N, C-alpha and C. Protein backbone atom coordinates (compact mmCIF):
# COMPACT_ATOMS: atom_id res chain seq x y z
N MET A 1 200.21 -7.31 -30.44
CA MET A 1 199.57 -8.31 -31.30
C MET A 1 198.13 -7.91 -31.56
N ALA A 2 197.63 -8.30 -32.71
CA ALA A 2 196.26 -7.99 -33.08
C ALA A 2 195.28 -8.75 -32.19
N ASP A 3 194.15 -8.11 -31.89
CA ASP A 3 193.07 -8.82 -31.23
C ASP A 3 192.54 -9.89 -32.19
N VAL A 4 192.13 -11.03 -31.65
CA VAL A 4 191.62 -12.12 -32.48
C VAL A 4 190.18 -12.41 -32.11
N ILE A 5 189.31 -12.40 -33.11
CA ILE A 5 187.89 -12.65 -32.91
C ILE A 5 187.47 -13.79 -33.84
N PHE A 6 186.77 -14.78 -33.29
CA PHE A 6 186.28 -15.89 -34.08
C PHE A 6 184.79 -15.73 -34.35
N SER A 7 184.40 -15.87 -35.61
CA SER A 7 182.98 -15.93 -35.93
C SER A 7 182.45 -17.29 -35.48
N PRO A 8 181.15 -17.40 -35.21
CA PRO A 8 180.58 -18.70 -34.83
C PRO A 8 180.83 -19.77 -35.90
N ARG A 9 180.75 -19.39 -37.17
CA ARG A 9 180.94 -20.37 -38.25
C ARG A 9 182.35 -20.97 -38.20
N ALA A 10 183.35 -20.10 -38.09
CA ALA A 10 184.73 -20.59 -38.07
C ALA A 10 184.97 -21.50 -36.87
N TYR A 11 184.53 -21.06 -35.71
CA TYR A 11 184.73 -21.84 -34.49
C TYR A 11 184.04 -23.20 -34.60
N CYS A 12 182.78 -23.20 -35.00
CA CYS A 12 182.02 -24.44 -35.05
C CYS A 12 182.62 -25.43 -36.06
N LYS A 13 183.11 -24.93 -37.19
CA LYS A 13 183.66 -25.85 -38.20
C LYS A 13 184.96 -26.51 -37.72
N ILE A 14 185.78 -25.79 -36.98
CA ILE A 14 186.97 -26.42 -36.41
C ILE A 14 186.57 -27.57 -35.48
N ILE A 15 185.60 -27.30 -34.61
CA ILE A 15 185.16 -28.32 -33.65
C ILE A 15 184.50 -29.49 -34.37
N LEU A 16 183.68 -29.22 -35.38
CA LEU A 16 183.00 -30.29 -36.12
C LEU A 16 184.00 -31.15 -36.88
N HIS A 17 185.06 -30.54 -37.41
CA HIS A 17 186.08 -31.31 -38.11
C HIS A 17 186.77 -32.28 -37.14
N ALA A 18 187.12 -31.77 -35.95
CA ALA A 18 187.76 -32.62 -34.95
C ALA A 18 186.80 -33.70 -34.46
N ALA A 19 185.51 -33.36 -34.36
CA ALA A 19 184.51 -34.33 -33.88
C ALA A 19 184.25 -35.44 -34.90
N LYS A 20 184.37 -35.11 -36.18
CA LYS A 20 184.12 -36.11 -37.22
C LYS A 20 185.21 -37.18 -37.22
N TYR A 21 186.43 -36.79 -36.89
CA TYR A 21 187.56 -37.73 -36.93
C TYR A 21 188.29 -37.74 -35.58
N PRO A 22 187.62 -38.21 -34.53
CA PRO A 22 188.25 -38.20 -33.19
C PRO A 22 189.46 -39.13 -33.09
N HIS A 23 189.56 -40.08 -34.03
CA HIS A 23 190.65 -41.06 -34.03
C HIS A 23 191.82 -40.63 -34.92
N CYS A 24 191.71 -39.44 -35.54
CA CYS A 24 192.73 -38.99 -36.49
C CYS A 24 193.23 -37.59 -36.13
N ALA A 25 194.43 -37.30 -36.61
CA ALA A 25 194.88 -35.91 -36.62
C ALA A 25 194.17 -35.21 -37.77
N ILE A 26 193.81 -33.95 -37.57
CA ILE A 26 193.13 -33.18 -38.63
C ILE A 26 193.79 -31.81 -38.73
N ASN A 27 193.60 -31.17 -39.90
CA ASN A 27 194.11 -29.80 -40.03
C ASN A 27 193.23 -29.01 -40.98
N GLY A 28 193.45 -27.70 -41.00
CA GLY A 28 192.67 -26.84 -41.87
C GLY A 28 193.22 -25.42 -41.88
N LEU A 29 192.59 -24.57 -42.68
CA LEU A 29 193.03 -23.19 -42.84
C LEU A 29 191.96 -22.23 -42.37
N LEU A 30 192.37 -21.03 -42.02
CA LEU A 30 191.46 -20.01 -41.50
C LEU A 30 191.48 -18.77 -42.39
N LEU A 31 190.29 -18.29 -42.71
CA LEU A 31 190.14 -17.08 -43.53
C LEU A 31 189.66 -15.94 -42.64
N ALA A 32 190.18 -14.75 -42.90
CA ALA A 32 189.89 -13.65 -41.98
C ALA A 32 189.84 -12.31 -42.68
N ARG A 33 189.39 -11.32 -41.92
CA ARG A 33 189.51 -9.91 -42.29
C ARG A 33 190.44 -9.26 -41.26
N LEU A 34 191.34 -8.44 -41.75
CA LEU A 34 192.25 -7.72 -40.87
C LEU A 34 191.95 -6.23 -41.02
N LYS A 35 191.66 -5.59 -39.91
CA LYS A 35 191.40 -4.15 -40.00
C LYS A 35 192.07 -3.41 -38.86
N SER A 36 192.47 -2.18 -39.15
CA SER A 36 193.13 -1.35 -38.13
C SER A 36 192.08 -0.74 -37.22
N LYS A 37 192.44 -0.59 -35.95
CA LYS A 37 191.54 0.05 -35.01
C LYS A 37 191.65 1.56 -35.12
N ASN A 38 190.73 2.25 -34.46
CA ASN A 38 190.69 3.71 -34.58
C ASN A 38 191.94 4.40 -34.04
N ASP A 39 192.64 3.71 -33.12
CA ASP A 39 193.84 4.36 -32.56
C ASP A 39 195.01 4.36 -33.54
N GLY A 40 194.87 3.62 -34.66
CA GLY A 40 195.89 3.59 -35.68
C GLY A 40 197.12 2.79 -35.33
N LYS A 41 197.16 2.25 -34.10
CA LYS A 41 198.33 1.51 -33.65
C LYS A 41 198.07 0.00 -33.55
N SER A 42 196.84 -0.37 -33.28
CA SER A 42 196.51 -1.79 -33.11
C SER A 42 195.58 -2.24 -34.21
N SER A 43 195.42 -3.55 -34.33
CA SER A 43 194.57 -4.10 -35.37
C SER A 43 193.73 -5.25 -34.82
N GLU A 44 192.76 -5.64 -35.62
CA GLU A 44 191.83 -6.70 -35.23
C GLU A 44 191.76 -7.74 -36.33
N LEU A 45 191.96 -9.00 -35.97
CA LEU A 45 191.89 -10.10 -36.92
C LEU A 45 190.60 -10.86 -36.64
N ARG A 46 189.67 -10.77 -37.57
CA ARG A 46 188.39 -11.47 -37.39
C ARG A 46 188.38 -12.72 -38.26
N ILE A 47 188.40 -13.89 -37.61
CA ILE A 47 188.39 -15.17 -38.33
C ILE A 47 186.97 -15.43 -38.80
N GLU A 48 186.76 -15.35 -40.11
CA GLU A 48 185.42 -15.47 -40.68
C GLU A 48 185.02 -16.92 -40.98
N ASP A 49 185.99 -17.73 -41.41
CA ASP A 49 185.64 -19.09 -41.86
C ASP A 49 186.82 -20.03 -41.66
N ALA A 50 186.50 -21.30 -41.55
CA ALA A 50 187.51 -22.35 -41.47
C ALA A 50 187.32 -23.30 -42.65
N ILE A 51 188.41 -23.66 -43.28
CA ILE A 51 188.37 -24.58 -44.42
C ILE A 51 189.06 -25.88 -44.02
N PRO A 52 188.30 -26.95 -43.80
CA PRO A 52 188.90 -28.24 -43.40
C PRO A 52 189.77 -28.81 -44.52
N LEU A 53 190.98 -29.24 -44.17
CA LEU A 53 191.89 -29.80 -45.17
C LEU A 53 191.91 -31.33 -45.12
N PHE A 54 192.68 -31.89 -44.20
CA PHE A 54 192.95 -33.33 -44.27
C PHE A 54 192.74 -34.04 -42.94
N HIS A 55 192.54 -35.36 -43.04
CA HIS A 55 192.49 -36.21 -41.84
C HIS A 55 193.26 -37.52 -42.07
N ILE A 56 193.84 -37.69 -43.25
CA ILE A 56 194.57 -38.92 -43.56
C ILE A 56 196.07 -38.62 -43.62
N CYS A 57 196.51 -37.97 -44.66
CA CYS A 57 197.92 -37.58 -44.79
C CYS A 57 197.99 -36.06 -44.73
N LEU A 58 198.27 -35.54 -43.56
CA LEU A 58 198.14 -34.10 -43.34
C LEU A 58 199.13 -33.26 -44.15
N HIS A 59 200.30 -33.82 -44.45
CA HIS A 59 201.33 -32.97 -45.03
C HIS A 59 201.91 -33.54 -46.32
N VAL A 60 201.08 -34.18 -47.13
CA VAL A 60 201.54 -34.62 -48.44
C VAL A 60 201.67 -33.37 -49.31
N SER A 61 202.90 -33.00 -49.64
CA SER A 61 203.17 -31.69 -50.22
C SER A 61 202.33 -31.33 -51.45
N PRO A 62 202.22 -32.20 -52.46
CA PRO A 62 201.44 -31.80 -53.64
C PRO A 62 200.00 -31.47 -53.31
N MET A 63 199.37 -32.30 -52.47
CA MET A 63 197.98 -32.05 -52.10
C MET A 63 197.84 -30.78 -51.26
N ALA A 64 198.79 -30.59 -50.34
CA ALA A 64 198.76 -29.39 -49.50
C ALA A 64 198.94 -28.13 -50.34
N GLU A 65 199.83 -28.19 -51.32
CA GLU A 65 200.06 -27.03 -52.20
C GLU A 65 198.82 -26.70 -53.01
N ILE A 66 198.17 -27.74 -53.54
CA ILE A 66 196.94 -27.53 -54.30
C ILE A 66 195.86 -26.90 -53.42
N ALA A 67 195.72 -27.45 -52.21
CA ALA A 67 194.71 -26.95 -51.28
C ALA A 67 194.99 -25.49 -50.92
N LEU A 68 196.23 -25.18 -50.62
CA LEU A 68 196.59 -23.80 -50.27
C LEU A 68 196.27 -22.84 -51.40
N THR A 69 196.57 -23.26 -52.62
CA THR A 69 196.29 -22.40 -53.78
C THR A 69 194.80 -22.17 -53.95
N LEU A 70 194.01 -23.24 -53.86
CA LEU A 70 192.56 -23.12 -54.02
C LEU A 70 191.94 -22.26 -52.92
N VAL A 71 192.40 -22.47 -51.68
CA VAL A 71 191.84 -21.71 -50.56
C VAL A 71 192.24 -20.25 -50.66
N ASP A 72 193.46 -19.98 -51.10
CA ASP A 72 193.91 -18.59 -51.27
C ASP A 72 193.05 -17.90 -52.33
N GLN A 73 192.75 -18.61 -53.43
CA GLN A 73 191.88 -18.04 -54.47
C GLN A 73 190.48 -17.77 -53.93
N LEU A 74 189.97 -18.72 -53.10
CA LEU A 74 188.64 -18.53 -52.50
C LEU A 74 188.65 -17.30 -51.59
N ALA A 75 189.69 -17.16 -50.80
CA ALA A 75 189.77 -16.02 -49.89
C ALA A 75 189.73 -14.70 -50.67
N MET A 76 190.54 -14.60 -51.72
CA MET A 76 190.57 -13.37 -52.52
C MET A 76 189.23 -13.07 -53.14
N SER A 77 188.52 -14.11 -53.57
CA SER A 77 187.21 -13.90 -54.20
C SER A 77 186.18 -13.37 -53.22
N LYS A 78 186.42 -13.57 -51.93
CA LYS A 78 185.49 -13.13 -50.90
C LYS A 78 186.00 -11.90 -50.14
N GLY A 79 187.13 -11.36 -50.61
CA GLY A 79 187.70 -10.21 -49.94
C GLY A 79 188.31 -10.54 -48.60
N LEU A 80 188.74 -11.80 -48.43
CA LEU A 80 189.34 -12.24 -47.18
C LEU A 80 190.82 -12.54 -47.40
N ILE A 81 191.51 -12.85 -46.31
CA ILE A 81 192.92 -13.24 -46.39
C ILE A 81 193.11 -14.59 -45.71
N LEU A 82 194.11 -15.32 -46.18
CA LEU A 82 194.49 -16.57 -45.54
C LEU A 82 195.27 -16.19 -44.28
N ALA A 83 194.69 -16.47 -43.11
CA ALA A 83 195.22 -15.87 -41.88
C ALA A 83 195.59 -16.86 -40.79
N GLY A 84 195.44 -18.15 -41.05
CA GLY A 84 195.77 -19.07 -39.97
C GLY A 84 195.67 -20.53 -40.36
N TYR A 85 196.14 -21.35 -39.44
CA TYR A 85 196.20 -22.80 -39.63
C TYR A 85 195.72 -23.44 -38.34
N TYR A 86 194.89 -24.47 -38.45
CA TYR A 86 194.46 -25.16 -37.23
C TYR A 86 194.73 -26.66 -37.35
N LEU A 87 194.84 -27.31 -36.19
CA LEU A 87 195.08 -28.75 -36.17
C LEU A 87 194.59 -29.36 -34.86
N ALA A 88 194.31 -30.64 -34.93
CA ALA A 88 194.08 -31.45 -33.73
C ALA A 88 194.93 -32.69 -33.90
N ASN A 89 195.65 -33.06 -32.87
CA ASN A 89 196.52 -34.22 -32.95
C ASN A 89 195.77 -35.52 -32.66
N GLU A 90 196.37 -36.63 -33.06
CA GLU A 90 195.73 -37.94 -32.87
C GLU A 90 195.70 -38.33 -31.40
N ASN A 91 196.78 -38.06 -30.68
CA ASN A 91 196.87 -38.39 -29.25
C ASN A 91 196.09 -37.36 -28.44
N ILE A 92 195.23 -37.83 -27.54
CA ILE A 92 194.36 -36.93 -26.78
C ILE A 92 195.12 -35.93 -25.93
N ASN A 93 196.35 -36.29 -25.52
CA ASN A 93 197.12 -35.40 -24.65
C ASN A 93 198.14 -34.54 -25.41
N ASP A 94 198.13 -34.64 -26.73
CA ASP A 94 199.15 -33.99 -27.54
C ASP A 94 198.72 -32.60 -27.98
N LEU A 95 199.44 -31.58 -27.52
CA LEU A 95 199.16 -30.20 -27.93
C LEU A 95 200.31 -29.63 -28.76
N SER A 96 201.15 -30.50 -29.27
CA SER A 96 202.33 -30.05 -30.01
C SER A 96 201.99 -29.67 -31.45
N THR A 97 202.91 -28.94 -32.07
CA THR A 97 202.81 -28.64 -33.49
C THR A 97 204.11 -29.11 -34.15
N ASP A 98 203.98 -29.97 -35.16
CA ASP A 98 205.18 -30.53 -35.77
C ASP A 98 205.77 -29.59 -36.82
N ARG A 99 206.91 -29.97 -37.35
CA ARG A 99 207.63 -29.10 -38.29
C ARG A 99 206.81 -28.77 -39.55
N PRO A 100 206.14 -29.77 -40.19
CA PRO A 100 205.33 -29.44 -41.37
C PRO A 100 204.22 -28.44 -41.06
N ALA A 101 203.61 -28.57 -39.88
CA ALA A 101 202.57 -27.61 -39.49
C ALA A 101 203.15 -26.21 -39.38
N HIS A 102 204.32 -26.10 -38.77
CA HIS A 102 204.96 -24.79 -38.64
C HIS A 102 205.38 -24.24 -40.00
N ARG A 103 205.76 -25.13 -40.91
CA ARG A 103 206.16 -24.68 -42.23
C ARG A 103 204.99 -23.98 -42.93
N ILE A 104 203.81 -24.59 -42.85
CA ILE A 104 202.62 -24.00 -43.47
C ILE A 104 202.24 -22.72 -42.73
N ALA A 105 202.22 -22.78 -41.40
CA ALA A 105 201.84 -21.60 -40.62
C ALA A 105 202.81 -20.44 -40.86
N ASP A 106 204.10 -20.75 -40.93
CA ASP A 106 205.09 -19.69 -41.19
C ASP A 106 204.87 -19.06 -42.56
N LYS A 107 204.51 -19.89 -43.53
CA LYS A 107 204.25 -19.38 -44.88
C LYS A 107 203.05 -18.43 -44.87
N ILE A 108 202.03 -18.79 -44.11
CA ILE A 108 200.85 -17.91 -43.98
C ILE A 108 201.25 -16.60 -43.31
N ALA A 109 202.08 -16.71 -42.26
CA ALA A 109 202.49 -15.52 -41.50
C ALA A 109 203.30 -14.54 -42.35
N GLU A 110 203.97 -15.04 -43.39
CA GLU A 110 204.73 -14.16 -44.27
C GLU A 110 203.82 -13.15 -44.97
N ASN A 111 202.58 -13.55 -45.19
CA ASN A 111 201.65 -12.70 -45.94
C ASN A 111 200.54 -12.10 -45.09
N CYS A 112 200.51 -12.45 -43.80
CA CYS A 112 199.43 -11.96 -42.94
C CYS A 112 199.98 -11.53 -41.59
N SER A 113 199.92 -10.25 -41.32
CA SER A 113 200.36 -9.75 -40.02
C SER A 113 199.41 -10.26 -38.94
N GLY A 114 199.96 -10.88 -37.92
CA GLY A 114 199.12 -11.38 -36.83
C GLY A 114 198.48 -12.72 -37.10
N ALA A 115 199.02 -13.51 -38.05
CA ALA A 115 198.47 -14.84 -38.35
C ALA A 115 198.39 -15.69 -37.08
N VAL A 116 197.45 -16.66 -37.08
CA VAL A 116 197.26 -17.49 -35.89
C VAL A 116 197.51 -18.96 -36.19
N LEU A 117 197.95 -19.66 -35.16
CA LEU A 117 198.18 -21.10 -35.21
C LEU A 117 197.34 -21.70 -34.09
N VAL A 118 196.37 -22.55 -34.45
CA VAL A 118 195.38 -23.04 -33.49
C VAL A 118 195.54 -24.54 -33.28
N VAL A 119 195.61 -24.95 -32.01
CA VAL A 119 195.65 -26.37 -31.67
C VAL A 119 194.41 -26.70 -30.84
N VAL A 120 193.68 -27.74 -31.22
CA VAL A 120 192.50 -28.18 -30.46
C VAL A 120 192.98 -29.05 -29.30
N ASP A 121 192.57 -28.70 -28.09
CA ASP A 121 192.87 -29.51 -26.91
C ASP A 121 191.83 -30.62 -26.83
N ASN A 122 192.20 -31.81 -27.28
CA ASN A 122 191.25 -32.92 -27.34
C ASN A 122 190.63 -33.27 -26.00
N LYS A 123 191.36 -33.03 -24.92
CA LYS A 123 190.85 -33.37 -23.58
C LYS A 123 189.62 -32.54 -23.23
N GLU A 124 189.49 -31.37 -23.84
CA GLU A 124 188.38 -30.48 -23.52
C GLU A 124 187.21 -30.60 -24.51
N MET A 125 187.31 -31.56 -25.42
CA MET A 125 186.24 -31.77 -26.41
C MET A 125 185.14 -32.64 -25.80
N THR A 126 184.02 -32.00 -25.46
CA THR A 126 182.87 -32.72 -24.93
C THR A 126 181.60 -32.16 -25.57
N LEU A 127 180.49 -32.87 -25.38
CA LEU A 127 179.23 -32.41 -25.93
C LEU A 127 178.77 -31.13 -25.24
N ASN A 128 179.07 -31.01 -23.95
CA ASN A 128 178.60 -29.86 -23.17
C ASN A 128 179.73 -28.88 -22.86
N MET A 129 180.53 -28.54 -23.86
CA MET A 129 181.64 -27.61 -23.64
C MET A 129 181.14 -26.24 -23.21
N THR A 130 181.68 -25.73 -22.11
CA THR A 130 181.34 -24.39 -21.66
C THR A 130 182.49 -23.41 -21.86
N SER A 131 183.63 -23.93 -22.29
CA SER A 131 184.77 -23.07 -22.62
C SER A 131 185.41 -23.59 -23.90
N SER A 132 186.15 -22.74 -24.54
CA SER A 132 186.77 -23.10 -25.82
C SER A 132 187.94 -24.06 -25.61
N PRO A 133 188.03 -25.13 -26.43
CA PRO A 133 189.17 -26.03 -26.35
C PRO A 133 190.33 -25.59 -27.25
N LEU A 134 190.24 -24.41 -27.81
CA LEU A 134 191.27 -23.95 -28.74
C LEU A 134 192.43 -23.30 -28.00
N ARG A 135 193.65 -23.73 -28.36
CA ARG A 135 194.86 -23.09 -27.86
C ARG A 135 195.46 -22.30 -29.02
N ILE A 136 195.54 -21.00 -28.87
CA ILE A 136 195.83 -20.14 -30.00
C ILE A 136 197.15 -19.39 -29.81
N SER A 137 198.03 -19.54 -30.79
CA SER A 137 199.28 -18.77 -30.82
C SER A 137 199.19 -17.77 -31.97
N GLN A 138 199.85 -16.64 -31.79
CA GLN A 138 199.83 -15.59 -32.82
C GLN A 138 201.26 -15.20 -33.17
N TYR A 139 201.47 -14.93 -34.43
CA TYR A 139 202.81 -14.58 -34.91
C TYR A 139 203.09 -13.11 -34.65
N ALA A 140 204.15 -12.86 -33.93
CA ALA A 140 204.54 -11.47 -33.63
C ALA A 140 206.03 -11.43 -33.33
N ASP A 141 206.69 -10.42 -33.85
CA ASP A 141 208.13 -10.24 -33.62
C ASP A 141 208.94 -11.47 -34.02
N GLY A 142 208.53 -12.12 -35.12
CA GLY A 142 209.29 -13.23 -35.66
C GLY A 142 209.12 -14.56 -34.97
N LYS A 143 208.12 -14.68 -34.09
CA LYS A 143 207.92 -15.96 -33.41
C LYS A 143 206.43 -16.16 -33.06
N TRP A 144 206.09 -17.41 -32.78
CA TRP A 144 204.72 -17.74 -32.38
C TRP A 144 204.60 -17.61 -30.87
N LYS A 145 203.62 -16.83 -30.43
CA LYS A 145 203.42 -16.60 -29.00
C LYS A 145 202.01 -17.03 -28.61
N LEU A 146 201.92 -17.84 -27.55
CA LEU A 146 200.63 -18.30 -27.07
C LEU A 146 199.84 -17.12 -26.51
N LYS A 147 198.60 -16.99 -26.96
CA LYS A 147 197.76 -15.89 -26.48
C LYS A 147 196.98 -16.34 -25.25
N ASP A 148 196.82 -15.41 -24.34
CA ASP A 148 195.98 -15.67 -23.17
C ASP A 148 194.54 -15.85 -23.63
N LYS A 149 193.84 -16.82 -23.04
CA LYS A 149 192.45 -17.06 -23.43
C LYS A 149 191.59 -15.81 -23.27
N ALA A 150 191.97 -14.96 -22.33
CA ALA A 150 191.19 -13.74 -22.09
C ALA A 150 191.27 -12.77 -23.26
N ASN A 151 192.26 -12.95 -24.13
CA ASN A 151 192.44 -12.06 -25.27
C ASN A 151 191.93 -12.65 -26.58
N ILE A 152 191.19 -13.76 -26.47
CA ILE A 152 190.53 -14.35 -27.63
C ILE A 152 189.03 -14.11 -27.48
N PHE A 153 188.42 -13.60 -28.52
CA PHE A 153 187.00 -13.25 -28.43
C PHE A 153 186.18 -14.11 -29.38
N TYR A 154 184.99 -14.50 -28.93
CA TYR A 154 184.09 -15.32 -29.72
C TYR A 154 182.75 -14.60 -29.85
N GLU A 155 182.34 -14.34 -31.07
CA GLU A 155 181.05 -13.70 -31.28
C GLU A 155 179.95 -14.61 -30.76
N GLY A 156 179.02 -14.04 -30.03
CA GLY A 156 177.92 -14.84 -29.49
C GLY A 156 178.30 -15.60 -28.24
N GLY A 157 179.37 -15.18 -27.57
CA GLY A 157 179.81 -15.88 -26.38
C GLY A 157 180.79 -16.98 -26.73
N VAL A 158 181.22 -17.73 -25.72
CA VAL A 158 182.18 -18.81 -25.97
C VAL A 158 181.50 -19.91 -26.75
N ALA A 159 181.77 -19.96 -27.99
CA ALA A 159 181.39 -21.06 -28.89
C ALA A 159 180.58 -20.64 -30.11
N PRO A 160 179.37 -20.13 -30.07
CA PRO A 160 178.42 -20.01 -28.97
C PRO A 160 177.96 -21.38 -28.48
N THR A 161 177.89 -21.55 -27.17
CA THR A 161 177.73 -22.87 -26.55
C THR A 161 176.47 -23.59 -27.00
N ASP A 162 175.32 -22.94 -26.96
CA ASP A 162 174.06 -23.61 -27.27
C ASP A 162 174.00 -24.07 -28.73
N ALA A 163 174.47 -23.22 -29.63
CA ALA A 163 174.44 -23.58 -31.05
C ALA A 163 175.37 -24.77 -31.32
N LEU A 164 176.56 -24.75 -30.74
CA LEU A 164 177.49 -25.85 -30.94
C LEU A 164 176.94 -27.15 -30.37
N TYR A 165 176.32 -27.08 -29.20
CA TYR A 165 175.71 -28.27 -28.61
C TYR A 165 174.67 -28.86 -29.56
N SER A 166 173.84 -28.00 -30.14
CA SER A 166 172.81 -28.45 -31.08
C SER A 166 173.43 -29.11 -32.30
N LEU A 167 174.49 -28.52 -32.84
CA LEU A 167 175.16 -29.08 -34.02
C LEU A 167 175.77 -30.44 -33.72
N LEU A 168 176.41 -30.57 -32.57
CA LEU A 168 177.02 -31.84 -32.20
C LEU A 168 175.96 -32.90 -31.89
N GLU A 169 174.91 -32.50 -31.22
CA GLU A 169 173.84 -33.44 -30.86
C GLU A 169 173.18 -34.00 -32.12
N ARG A 170 173.04 -33.16 -33.14
CA ARG A 170 172.42 -33.59 -34.40
C ARG A 170 173.43 -34.22 -35.36
N GLU A 171 174.66 -34.38 -34.87
CA GLU A 171 175.74 -35.02 -35.63
C GLU A 171 175.97 -34.36 -36.99
N GLN A 172 175.94 -33.02 -36.98
CA GLN A 172 176.16 -32.29 -38.22
C GLN A 172 177.59 -32.45 -38.74
N TYR A 173 178.48 -32.91 -37.86
CA TYR A 173 179.87 -33.14 -38.31
C TYR A 173 179.93 -34.19 -39.41
N ARG A 174 178.93 -35.05 -39.50
CA ARG A 174 178.91 -36.06 -40.55
C ARG A 174 178.78 -35.41 -41.94
N ASN A 175 178.26 -34.19 -41.98
CA ASN A 175 178.06 -33.50 -43.25
C ASN A 175 179.24 -32.61 -43.63
N LEU A 176 180.24 -32.54 -42.79
CA LEU A 176 181.41 -31.72 -43.09
C LEU A 176 182.27 -32.42 -44.13
N VAL A 177 182.74 -31.66 -45.11
CA VAL A 177 183.59 -32.19 -46.19
C VAL A 177 184.96 -31.55 -46.10
N ASP A 178 186.01 -32.37 -45.96
CA ASP A 178 187.36 -31.83 -46.03
C ASP A 178 187.99 -32.23 -47.37
N PHE A 179 189.22 -31.81 -47.60
CA PHE A 179 189.85 -32.08 -48.90
C PHE A 179 190.05 -33.57 -49.15
N ASP A 180 190.31 -34.33 -48.09
CA ASP A 180 190.43 -35.77 -48.27
C ASP A 180 189.12 -36.36 -48.81
N ASN A 181 187.99 -35.91 -48.26
CA ASN A 181 186.68 -36.37 -48.77
C ASN A 181 186.49 -35.96 -50.22
N HIS A 182 186.87 -34.72 -50.52
CA HIS A 182 186.71 -34.19 -51.88
C HIS A 182 187.57 -34.95 -52.88
N LEU A 183 188.79 -35.31 -52.48
CA LEU A 183 189.68 -36.05 -53.37
C LEU A 183 189.15 -37.46 -53.63
N ASP A 184 188.45 -38.02 -52.65
CA ASP A 184 187.83 -39.34 -52.83
C ASP A 184 186.62 -39.26 -53.75
N ASN A 185 185.92 -38.14 -53.69
CA ASN A 185 184.71 -37.94 -54.50
C ASN A 185 184.60 -36.46 -54.83
N ILE A 186 185.01 -36.08 -56.03
CA ILE A 186 185.11 -34.66 -56.38
C ILE A 186 183.76 -33.95 -56.46
N THR A 187 182.65 -34.71 -56.37
CA THR A 187 181.34 -34.06 -56.33
C THR A 187 181.05 -33.46 -54.95
N LEU A 188 181.82 -33.86 -53.94
CA LEU A 188 181.62 -33.34 -52.59
C LEU A 188 182.21 -31.93 -52.49
N ASP A 189 181.49 -31.05 -51.83
CA ASP A 189 181.81 -29.63 -51.80
C ASP A 189 182.76 -29.28 -50.65
N TRP A 190 184.04 -29.06 -50.95
CA TRP A 190 185.00 -28.74 -49.90
C TRP A 190 184.78 -27.35 -49.30
N GLN A 191 183.98 -26.52 -49.98
CA GLN A 191 183.66 -25.21 -49.41
C GLN A 191 182.51 -25.28 -48.41
N ASN A 192 181.82 -26.43 -48.36
CA ASN A 192 180.79 -26.68 -47.33
C ASN A 192 179.66 -25.65 -47.32
N HIS A 193 179.15 -25.33 -48.49
CA HIS A 193 178.07 -24.33 -48.55
C HIS A 193 176.85 -24.75 -47.72
N LYS A 194 176.44 -26.01 -47.83
CA LYS A 194 175.25 -26.47 -47.11
C LYS A 194 175.48 -26.44 -45.60
N LEU A 195 176.64 -26.92 -45.17
CA LEU A 195 176.93 -26.92 -43.74
C LEU A 195 177.06 -25.49 -43.21
N ASN A 196 177.67 -24.61 -43.99
CA ASN A 196 177.76 -23.20 -43.57
C ASN A 196 176.38 -22.64 -43.28
N LYS A 197 175.42 -22.95 -44.16
CA LYS A 197 174.05 -22.45 -43.99
C LYS A 197 173.43 -23.03 -42.72
N VAL A 198 173.64 -24.32 -42.50
CA VAL A 198 173.09 -24.97 -41.29
C VAL A 198 173.67 -24.32 -40.04
N ILE A 199 174.99 -24.09 -40.04
CA ILE A 199 175.64 -23.46 -38.88
C ILE A 199 175.08 -22.07 -38.65
N ASP A 200 175.01 -21.26 -39.71
CA ASP A 200 174.52 -19.88 -39.58
C ASP A 200 173.09 -19.87 -39.04
N GLU A 201 172.25 -20.76 -39.56
CA GLU A 201 170.84 -20.81 -39.12
C GLU A 201 170.75 -21.27 -37.67
N THR A 202 171.58 -22.24 -37.29
CA THR A 202 171.57 -22.73 -35.90
C THR A 202 172.01 -21.65 -34.93
N VAL A 203 173.03 -20.89 -35.32
CA VAL A 203 173.50 -19.78 -34.48
C VAL A 203 172.40 -18.76 -34.31
N GLU A 204 171.71 -18.41 -35.38
CA GLU A 204 170.61 -17.44 -35.31
C GLU A 204 169.51 -17.92 -34.38
N GLU A 205 169.21 -19.20 -34.42
CA GLU A 205 168.15 -19.76 -33.57
C GLU A 205 168.48 -19.66 -32.09
N HIS A 206 169.77 -19.64 -31.77
CA HIS A 206 170.18 -19.65 -30.37
C HIS A 206 170.71 -18.31 -29.88
N GLU A 207 170.52 -17.28 -30.67
CA GLU A 207 170.97 -15.96 -30.23
C GLU A 207 170.06 -15.43 -29.13
């Protein structure tokens, strides 16, 4: 299986999306670069960005199809690939993935070798997180396989912890826009340009 590396931006946006709607199930898509390693046998999947989708009706087909199309176009325009799906369940103890989630993830895996399926462990979501609450499965040999946490890499350390703490403390999750927000008010930017800048600057400050 490909090594998986999360950029600080992608990691922080997944956590901020879950933090904004702690009472709801949420989902989103992951954009990445896939490159072969020097040995020619293995590859590396670098998750560059997370695109928040929904927090109300996660699997309404027409809206999901529109979102997938728009995000796929965004990925191509940036030289990235649609490489994963993330979710957090409504129940704090629920780490399951339902059939609609697998349907979307399987569709992504058809076009991306080593695609990932990410579940947020709500029990580990705290202001002072010192380890990642993400449970990550990767598609290989026709099935989703849970990856050992030791084989998931985070640029800038786990999180990076200090930058994420700062973002949560300043309640930057309130500025995150998902597709549900955008559909309610189309002037809201589902690509989150402003929040991306805030995250990048916060990470730089804590390097």
